[in-house]
């Protein structure tokens, strides 16, 4: 097989770390702070294992995919390295490994590096990013969108300064619930999911409860979400509702359950992000809009609706890889619509 890295060094993947002064840290220990996921029974998860198992087989299979996971810290190390142990790798023909399996790194809220996994990755890899000089920086490393992370170690110069990063602006995270699009398919890297973009825009924490093909507003899922301590709830599971009737039966039910438990919580409803709709898709959109209008008519002042066509306003019909899952352009368009609402109403 032709190896392009032999003729173009920009395609070289760093998988061996040759540093005599490196020290590896476990991210579960201070001063590192993990967001969006938590450690349970040997791997990071987005919701408790027992709850996931009670919802459905599909949610249980996906709940340990680390979409929305992040680790933050401050350091003056002249390089940042990772060593990761994984299982359940998300390899798909239409989804870059840098998004489904890779990590990416932000410095002071600006993109700096993707830790690219090797094509033949089995269950672990390592990578390093050399910085130009030694100075203090806030580091955010985003976890893979469609893979399981068992352990993540951060490698820094052994004499480097390391401290806790500043907290997010919101005390309670935004919680997102939805389909594979919510989970992040098919962003080129984790930092390009629409939730990550919104997070960087407002410095907001978030939890990603996107479950590829398995977001169906089950009673157990509703019960779990309504009891979360959240600043905003955003939901969009139209794509995974198996029928129009299922969406109609569950959509307003989910909203009412969450509103009863959280009377003042801002709730944003979205229909599927698609610019040109079929008749079936228009019916689905009207169901979601009906939930919204009924809430407004009942006097609800904290409910918002984003039409799926508005989510694709920037990219029109050029924002997906397969007429469903967004490219980075598609996710940027979704993020724009969301940030407009969050900013306009000061949520």
Protein backbone atom coordinates (compact mmCIF):
# COMPACT_ATOMS: atom_id res chain seq x y z
CA UNK A 1 0.00 0.00 0.00
CA UNK A 2 1.25 3.49 -0.89
CA UNK A 3 2.39 5.43 2.22
CA UNK A 4 1.74 9.14 1.58
CA UNK A 5 3.71 10.17 4.70
CA UNK A 6 6.91 9.20 2.85
CA UNK A 7 6.34 11.94 0.28
CA UNK A 8 4.40 14.46 2.41
CA UNK A 9 5.55 14.86 6.00
CA UNK A 10 2.32 16.69 6.93
CA UNK A 11 0.60 13.30 6.90
CA UNK A 12 2.99 11.76 9.43
CA UNK A 13 1.32 10.53 12.63
CA UNK A 14 3.34 10.78 15.84
CA UNK A 15 2.88 7.49 17.68
CA UNK A 16 6.18 7.27 19.55
CA UNK A 17 7.21 9.72 22.25
CA UNK A 18 10.94 10.13 22.77
CA UNK A 19 11.29 12.46 25.75
CA UNK A 20 13.67 11.98 28.66
CA UNK A 21 11.94 14.63 30.77
CA UNK A 22 8.30 13.55 30.35
CA UNK A 23 5.93 12.87 33.22
CA UNK A 24 2.53 11.28 32.67
CA UNK A 25 -0.48 12.28 34.76
CA UNK A 26 -3.81 10.50 35.26
CA UNK A 27 -6.62 12.87 34.37
CA UNK A 28 -8.75 11.61 37.28
CA UNK A 29 -6.47 13.41 39.74
CA UNK A 30 -6.09 17.11 40.57
CA UNK A 31 -5.38 19.55 39.09
CA UNK A 32 -6.96 18.01 35.98
CA UNK A 33 -10.73 18.44 35.64
CA UNK A 34 -12.88 16.17 33.49
CA UNK A 35 -16.18 17.40 32.05
CA UNK A 36 -19.02 15.74 30.17
CA UNK A 37 -18.08 12.20 31.21
CA UNK A 38 -17.23 10.35 34.42
CA UNK A 39 -15.36 7.18 35.32
CA UNK A 40 -17.37 4.10 36.27
CA UNK A 41 -16.35 0.43 36.17
CA UNK A 42 -13.15 0.96 34.23
CA UNK A 43 -14.21 3.41 31.53
CA UNK A 44 -15.62 6.88 30.99
CA UNK A 45 -19.37 7.17 30.50
CA UNK A 46 -21.94 9.84 29.71
CA UNK A 47 -24.59 8.41 32.01
CA UNK A 48 -24.60 5.72 34.70
CA UNK A 49 -24.17 2.20 33.36
CA UNK A 50 -27.24 0.89 35.17
CA UNK A 51 -29.48 3.63 33.82
CA UNK A 52 -28.21 3.12 30.27
CA UNK A 53 -28.91 -0.61 30.52
CA UNK A 54 -32.47 0.09 31.68
CA UNK A 55 -33.20 2.33 28.67
CA UNK A 56 -32.33 0.03 25.76
CA UNK A 57 -29.66 -2.25 24.38
CA UNK A 58 -28.63 0.46 21.93
CA UNK A 59 -28.23 3.18 24.55
CA UNK A 60 -26.26 0.76 26.71
CA UNK A 61 -23.91 0.03 23.78
CA UNK A 62 -23.38 3.74 23.11
CA UNK A 63 -23.40 5.38 26.54
CA UNK A 64 -19.66 4.84 27.02
CA UNK A 65 -18.81 6.54 23.73
CA UNK A 66 -17.17 9.69 25.05
CA UNK A 67 -18.93 12.37 22.96
CA UNK A 68 -18.69 15.66 24.83
CA UNK A 69 -15.94 14.50 27.16
CA UNK A 70 -13.19 17.04 27.91
CA UNK A 71 -10.24 17.47 30.24
CA UNK A 72 -9.00 20.96 31.17
CA UNK A 73 -5.86 22.22 32.90
CA UNK A 74 -3.23 24.97 32.82
CA UNK A 75 0.45 24.30 32.11
CA UNK A 76 3.63 25.91 30.82
CA UNK A 77 4.97 22.63 29.44
CA UNK A 78 6.68 23.07 26.04
CA UNK A 79 4.86 19.98 24.80
CA UNK A 80 1.59 18.13 25.42
CA UNK A 81 1.41 14.37 24.95
CA UNK A 82 -1.34 11.82 25.40
CA UNK A 83 -1.37 8.09 25.97
CA UNK A 84 -4.84 6.58 25.73
CA UNK A 85 -6.28 3.12 26.30
CA UNK A 86 -9.57 2.44 24.53
CA UNK A 87 -12.10 -0.16 23.51
CA UNK A 88 -15.16 -0.11 21.28
CA UNK A 89 -13.51 1.86 18.47
CA UNK A 90 -15.88 3.64 16.08
CA UNK A 91 -14.53 2.88 12.61
CA UNK A 92 -16.91 3.86 9.78
CA UNK A 93 -16.39 4.48 6.05
CA UNK A 94 -18.01 7.94 6.06
CA UNK A 95 -16.56 9.22 9.34
CA UNK A 96 -12.97 10.43 9.82
CA UNK A 97 -11.08 8.51 12.49
CA UNK A 98 -9.93 11.89 13.84
CA UNK A 99 -13.55 12.50 14.85
CA UNK A 100 -14.75 9.06 15.86
CA UNK A 101 -11.54 7.89 17.61
CA UNK A 102 -9.24 10.91 17.87
CA UNK A 103 -8.71 13.67 20.43
CA UNK A 104 -8.16 17.33 19.65
CA UNK A 105 -6.50 20.08 21.66
CA UNK A 106 -7.40 23.73 22.21
CA UNK A 107 -5.10 26.36 23.68
CA UNK A 108 -6.85 29.31 25.31
CA UNK A 109 -10.01 28.38 23.39
CA UNK A 110 -8.29 28.20 19.98
CA UNK A 111 -7.72 25.01 18.02
CA UNK A 112 -4.09 23.86 18.03
CA UNK A 113 -3.74 20.14 17.36
CA UNK A 114 -5.48 16.88 16.54
CA UNK A 115 -4.03 13.80 18.17
CA UNK A 116 -4.47 11.57 15.14
CA UNK A 117 -4.95 7.86 15.81
CA UNK A 118 -3.05 5.38 13.63
CA UNK A 119 -5.18 3.78 10.93
CA UNK A 120 -4.57 0.30 12.35
CA UNK A 121 -5.29 1.27 15.98
CA UNK A 122 -6.33 -1.68 18.14
CA UNK A 123 -6.84 -0.43 21.68
CA UNK A 124 -4.34 2.32 22.50
CA UNK A 125 -2.14 5.01 20.99
CA UNK A 126 -0.01 7.98 21.92
CA UNK A 127 0.77 11.30 20.31
CA UNK A 128 2.61 14.53 21.12
CA UNK A 129 2.32 18.21 20.26
CA UNK A 130 5.42 20.41 20.43
CA UNK A 131 4.82 24.05 21.37
CA UNK A 132 7.01 26.94 20.24
CA UNK A 133 7.94 28.14 23.71
CA UNK A 134 7.35 27.56 27.38
CA UNK A 135 4.50 29.72 28.70
CA UNK A 136 1.34 29.21 30.68
CA UNK A 137 -1.67 28.18 28.63
CA UNK A 138 -5.14 26.87 29.33
CA UNK A 139 -5.50 23.48 27.68
CA UNK A 140 -8.71 21.71 26.67
CA UNK A 141 -8.53 18.22 25.18
CA UNK A 142 -11.74 16.88 23.62
CA UNK A 143 -12.50 13.15 23.77
CA UNK A 144 -13.55 10.99 20.79
CA UNK A 145 -17.16 11.12 19.64
CA UNK A 146 -17.79 7.44 18.86
CA UNK A 147 -15.31 5.39 20.89
CA UNK A 148 -14.81 4.27 24.47
CA UNK A 149 -11.96 5.64 26.59
CA UNK A 150 -10.73 3.47 29.45
CA UNK A 151 -7.70 5.53 30.50
CA UNK A 152 -6.18 8.83 29.40
CA UNK A 153 -2.75 10.01 30.54
CA UNK A 154 -1.39 13.50 29.85
CA UNK A 155 2.34 13.79 29.29
CA UNK A 156 4.09 17.04 30.29
CA UNK A 157 7.66 18.13 30.96
CA UNK A 158 8.47 16.87 34.46
CA UNK A 159 9.39 20.36 35.72
CA UNK A 160 6.39 22.07 34.14
CA UNK A 161 3.87 24.14 36.05
CA UNK A 162 0.44 22.45 36.21
CA UNK A 163 -2.71 23.87 37.78
CA UNK A 164 -6.48 23.73 37.56
CA UNK A 165 -8.17 25.64 34.74
CA UNK A 166 -10.86 28.23 35.42
CA UNK A 167 -14.37 26.87 35.71
CA UNK A 168 -16.93 27.27 32.95
CA UNK A 169 -19.19 30.31 33.06
CA UNK A 170 -22.33 28.26 33.75
CA UNK A 171 -22.51 26.43 37.07
CA UNK A 172 -24.81 23.80 35.55
CA UNK A 173 -24.17 22.21 32.13
CA UNK A 174 -26.32 22.46 29.03
CA UNK A 175 -27.77 19.00 28.39
CA UNK A 176 -28.30 17.88 24.78
CA UNK A 177 -30.46 14.87 23.87
CA UNK A 178 -30.83 13.42 20.40
CA UNK A 179 -29.62 11.21 17.59
CA UNK A 180 -26.31 10.45 15.87
CA UNK A 181 -26.13 14.09 14.82
CA UNK A 182 -26.30 15.10 18.46
CA UNK A 183 -23.61 12.53 19.26
CA UNK A 184 -21.34 14.20 16.71
CA UNK A 185 -21.49 12.15 13.54
CA UNK A 186 -19.72 12.95 11.24
CA UNK A 187 -17.53 15.82 12.57
CA UNK A 188 -13.91 15.68 11.38
CA UNK A 189 -12.72 16.02 14.99
CA UNK A 190 -14.44 16.28 18.38
CA UNK A 191 -14.08 20.05 18.71
CA UNK A 192 -16.25 20.52 15.63
CA UNK A 193 -19.45 19.03 17.05
CA UNK A 194 -22.05 21.78 17.35
CA UNK A 195 -22.12 21.51 21.14
CA UNK A 196 -18.36 22.05 21.33
CA UNK A 197 -18.67 25.13 19.13
CA UNK A 198 -21.46 26.53 21.33
CA UNK A 199 -19.35 25.76 24.41
CA UNK A 200 -16.38 27.73 23.10
CA UNK A 201 -18.60 30.64 22.07
CA UNK A 202 -20.09 31.14 25.54
CA UNK A 203 -17.60 29.29 27.74
CA UNK A 204 -20.44 26.94 28.75
CA UNK A 205 -20.13 23.42 30.09
CA UNK A 206 -22.31 20.72 28.51
CA UNK A 207 -23.29 17.05 28.52
CA UNK A 208 -23.85 15.23 25.22
CA UNK A 209 -26.64 12.64 25.43
CA UNK A 210 -26.76 11.87 21.72
CA UNK A 211 -27.33 8.17 21.01
CA UNK A 212 -26.78 7.16 17.41
CA UNK A 213 -29.98 5.56 16.10
CA UNK A 214 -31.28 5.11 19.64
CA UNK A 215 -32.82 8.38 20.85
CA UNK A 216 -36.50 7.49 21.24
CA UNK A 217 -37.56 9.36 24.39
CA UNK A 218 -38.05 6.19 26.40
CA UNK A 219 -39.65 6.60 29.83
CA UNK A 220 -36.40 5.62 31.54
CA UNK A 221 -34.48 8.24 29.57
CA UNK A 222 -37.04 10.93 30.36
CA UNK A 223 -36.85 10.03 34.05
CA UNK A 224 -33.05 10.29 34.01
CA UNK A 225 -32.85 13.59 32.13
CA UNK A 226 -35.54 15.38 34.10
CA UNK A 227 -33.55 14.85 37.30
CA UNK A 228 -30.29 16.27 35.94
CA UNK A 229 -29.07 19.61 37.28
CA UNK A 230 -28.85 21.59 34.05
CA UNK A 231 -28.78 25.19 32.85
CA UNK A 232 -30.50 24.59 29.47
CA UNK A 233 -32.07 21.51 27.90
CA UNK A 234 -31.82 21.06 24.11
CA UNK A 235 -33.55 18.15 22.42
CA UNK A 236 -33.83 16.86 18.87
CA UNK A 237 -34.59 13.16 18.35
CA UNK A 238 -36.83 13.40 15.29
CA UNK A 239 -34.43 11.25 13.20
CA UNK A 240 -34.65 8.36 15.68
CA UNK A 241 -38.40 8.38 16.26
CA UNK A 242 -39.36 5.27 14.26
CA UNK A 243 -42.72 6.70 13.13
CA UNK A 244 -44.65 9.94 13.07
CA UNK A 245 -46.98 8.40 15.63
CA UNK A 246 -44.08 7.64 17.97
CA UNK A 247 -42.85 11.23 17.78
CA UNK A 248 -46.33 12.56 18.43
CA UNK A 249 -46.77 10.21 21.40
CA UNK A 250 -43.45 11.06 23.07
CA UNK A 251 -42.36 14.60 22.16
CA UNK A 252 -44.75 16.68 24.25
CA UNK A 253 -44.71 14.00 26.94
CA UNK A 254 -40.97 14.48 27.33
CA UNK A 255 -41.28 18.24 27.47
CA UNK A 256 -44.05 18.17 30.09
CA UNK A 257 -42.15 15.75 32.32
CA UNK A 258 -39.04 17.91 32.23
CA UNK A 259 -40.99 21.13 32.69
CA UNK A 260 -42.88 19.75 35.71
CA UNK A 261 -39.58 18.88 37.40
CA UNK A 262 -37.81 22.07 36.23
CA UNK A 263 -40.35 24.94 36.09
CA UNK A 264 -37.86 27.67 35.07
CA UNK A 265 -35.44 25.67 32.92
CA UNK A 266 -34.89 27.06 29.40
CA UNK A 267 -35.85 24.32 26.93
CA UNK A 268 -34.87 24.50 23.27
CA UNK A 269 -36.68 22.20 20.82
CA UNK A 270 -35.24 21.56 17.38
CA UNK A 271 -36.58 19.70 14.36
CA UNK A 272 -34.21 17.65 12.23
CA UNK A 273 -31.46 19.72 10.57
CA UNK A 274 -32.40 19.49 6.90
CA UNK A 275 -32.97 22.24 4.38
CA UNK A 276 -35.40 20.59 1.95
CA UNK A 277 -38.09 18.52 3.65
CA UNK A 278 -40.26 15.64 2.49
CA UNK A 279 -43.96 15.55 3.37
CA UNK A 280 -43.21 13.13 6.24
CA UNK A 281 -40.50 15.43 7.57
CA UNK A 282 -42.84 18.41 7.46
CA UNK A 283 -45.38 16.49 9.54
CA UNK A 284 -42.66 15.67 12.07
CA UNK A 285 -41.63 19.32 12.23
CA UNK A 286 -45.24 20.34 12.86
CA UNK A 287 -45.45 17.89 15.79
CA UNK A 288 -42.40 19.49 17.41
CA UNK A 289 -43.70 22.97 16.71
CA UNK A 290 -47.05 22.00 18.25
CA UNK A 291 -45.31 21.04 21.49
CA UNK A 292 -43.69 24.48 21.47
CA UNK A 293 -46.89 26.40 20.66
CA UNK A 294 -48.89 24.55 23.29
CA UNK A 295 -46.26 25.49 25.87
CA UNK A 296 -46.36 29.14 24.84
CA UNK A 297 -50.17 29.18 24.91
CA UNK A 298 -50.04 27.76 28.44
CA UNK A 299 -47.92 30.75 29.48
CA UNK A 300 -44.46 29.16 29.37
CA UNK A 301 -41.85 31.92 29.07
CA UNK A 302 -38.77 29.68 28.83
CA UNK A 303 -39.38 27.49 25.79
CA UNK A 304 -37.80 28.02 22.37
CA UNK A 305 -38.14 26.40 18.94
CA UNK A 306 -35.50 26.19 16.21
CA UNK A 307 -36.73 25.04 12.82
CA UNK A 308 -34.43 22.43 11.26
CA UNK A 309 -34.21 24.55 8.13
CA UNK A 310 -32.77 27.37 10.25
CA UNK A 311 -30.14 24.92 11.54
CA UNK A 312 -28.91 24.50 7.96
CA UNK A 313 -29.21 28.15 6.93
CA UNK A 314 -25.45 28.64 6.43
CA UNK A 315 -24.84 25.46 4.47
CA UNK A 316 -28.20 24.84 2.76
CA UNK A 317 -27.92 21.40 1.10
CA UNK A 318 -24.09 21.33 1.19
CA UNK A 319 -23.57 20.52 4.86
CA UNK A 320 -23.70 16.72 5.09
CA UNK A 321 -21.62 13.71 4.09
CA UNK A 322 -24.62 11.50 3.27
CA UNK A 323 -27.71 13.74 3.22
CA UNK A 324 -28.04 13.21 6.97
CA UNK A 325 -24.87 13.54 9.08
CA UNK A 326 -23.29 17.00 9.08
CA UNK A 327 -19.83 17.93 7.91
CA UNK A 328 -17.95 20.56 9.94
CA UNK A 329 -19.73 23.14 7.77
CA UNK A 330 -23.06 21.62 8.75
CA UNK A 331 -22.18 21.62 12.44
CA UNK A 332 -21.05 25.25 12.22
CA UNK A 333 -24.44 26.10 10.73
CA UNK A 334 -26.24 24.31 13.56
CA UNK A 335 -24.08 26.05 16.15
CA UNK A 336 -24.85 29.43 14.59
CA UNK A 337 -28.60 28.90 14.96
CA UNK A 338 -28.21 27.79 18.56
CA UNK A 339 -25.85 30.58 19.57
CA UNK A 340 -28.26 33.10 18.04
CA UNK A 341 -31.05 31.85 20.34
CA UNK A 342 -28.88 31.50 23.44
CA UNK A 343 -27.35 34.95 22.88
CA UNK A 344 -30.58 36.69 21.94
CA UNK A 345 -32.40 35.55 25.07
CA UNK A 346 -29.33 35.66 27.29
CA UNK A 347 -29.77 32.04 28.31
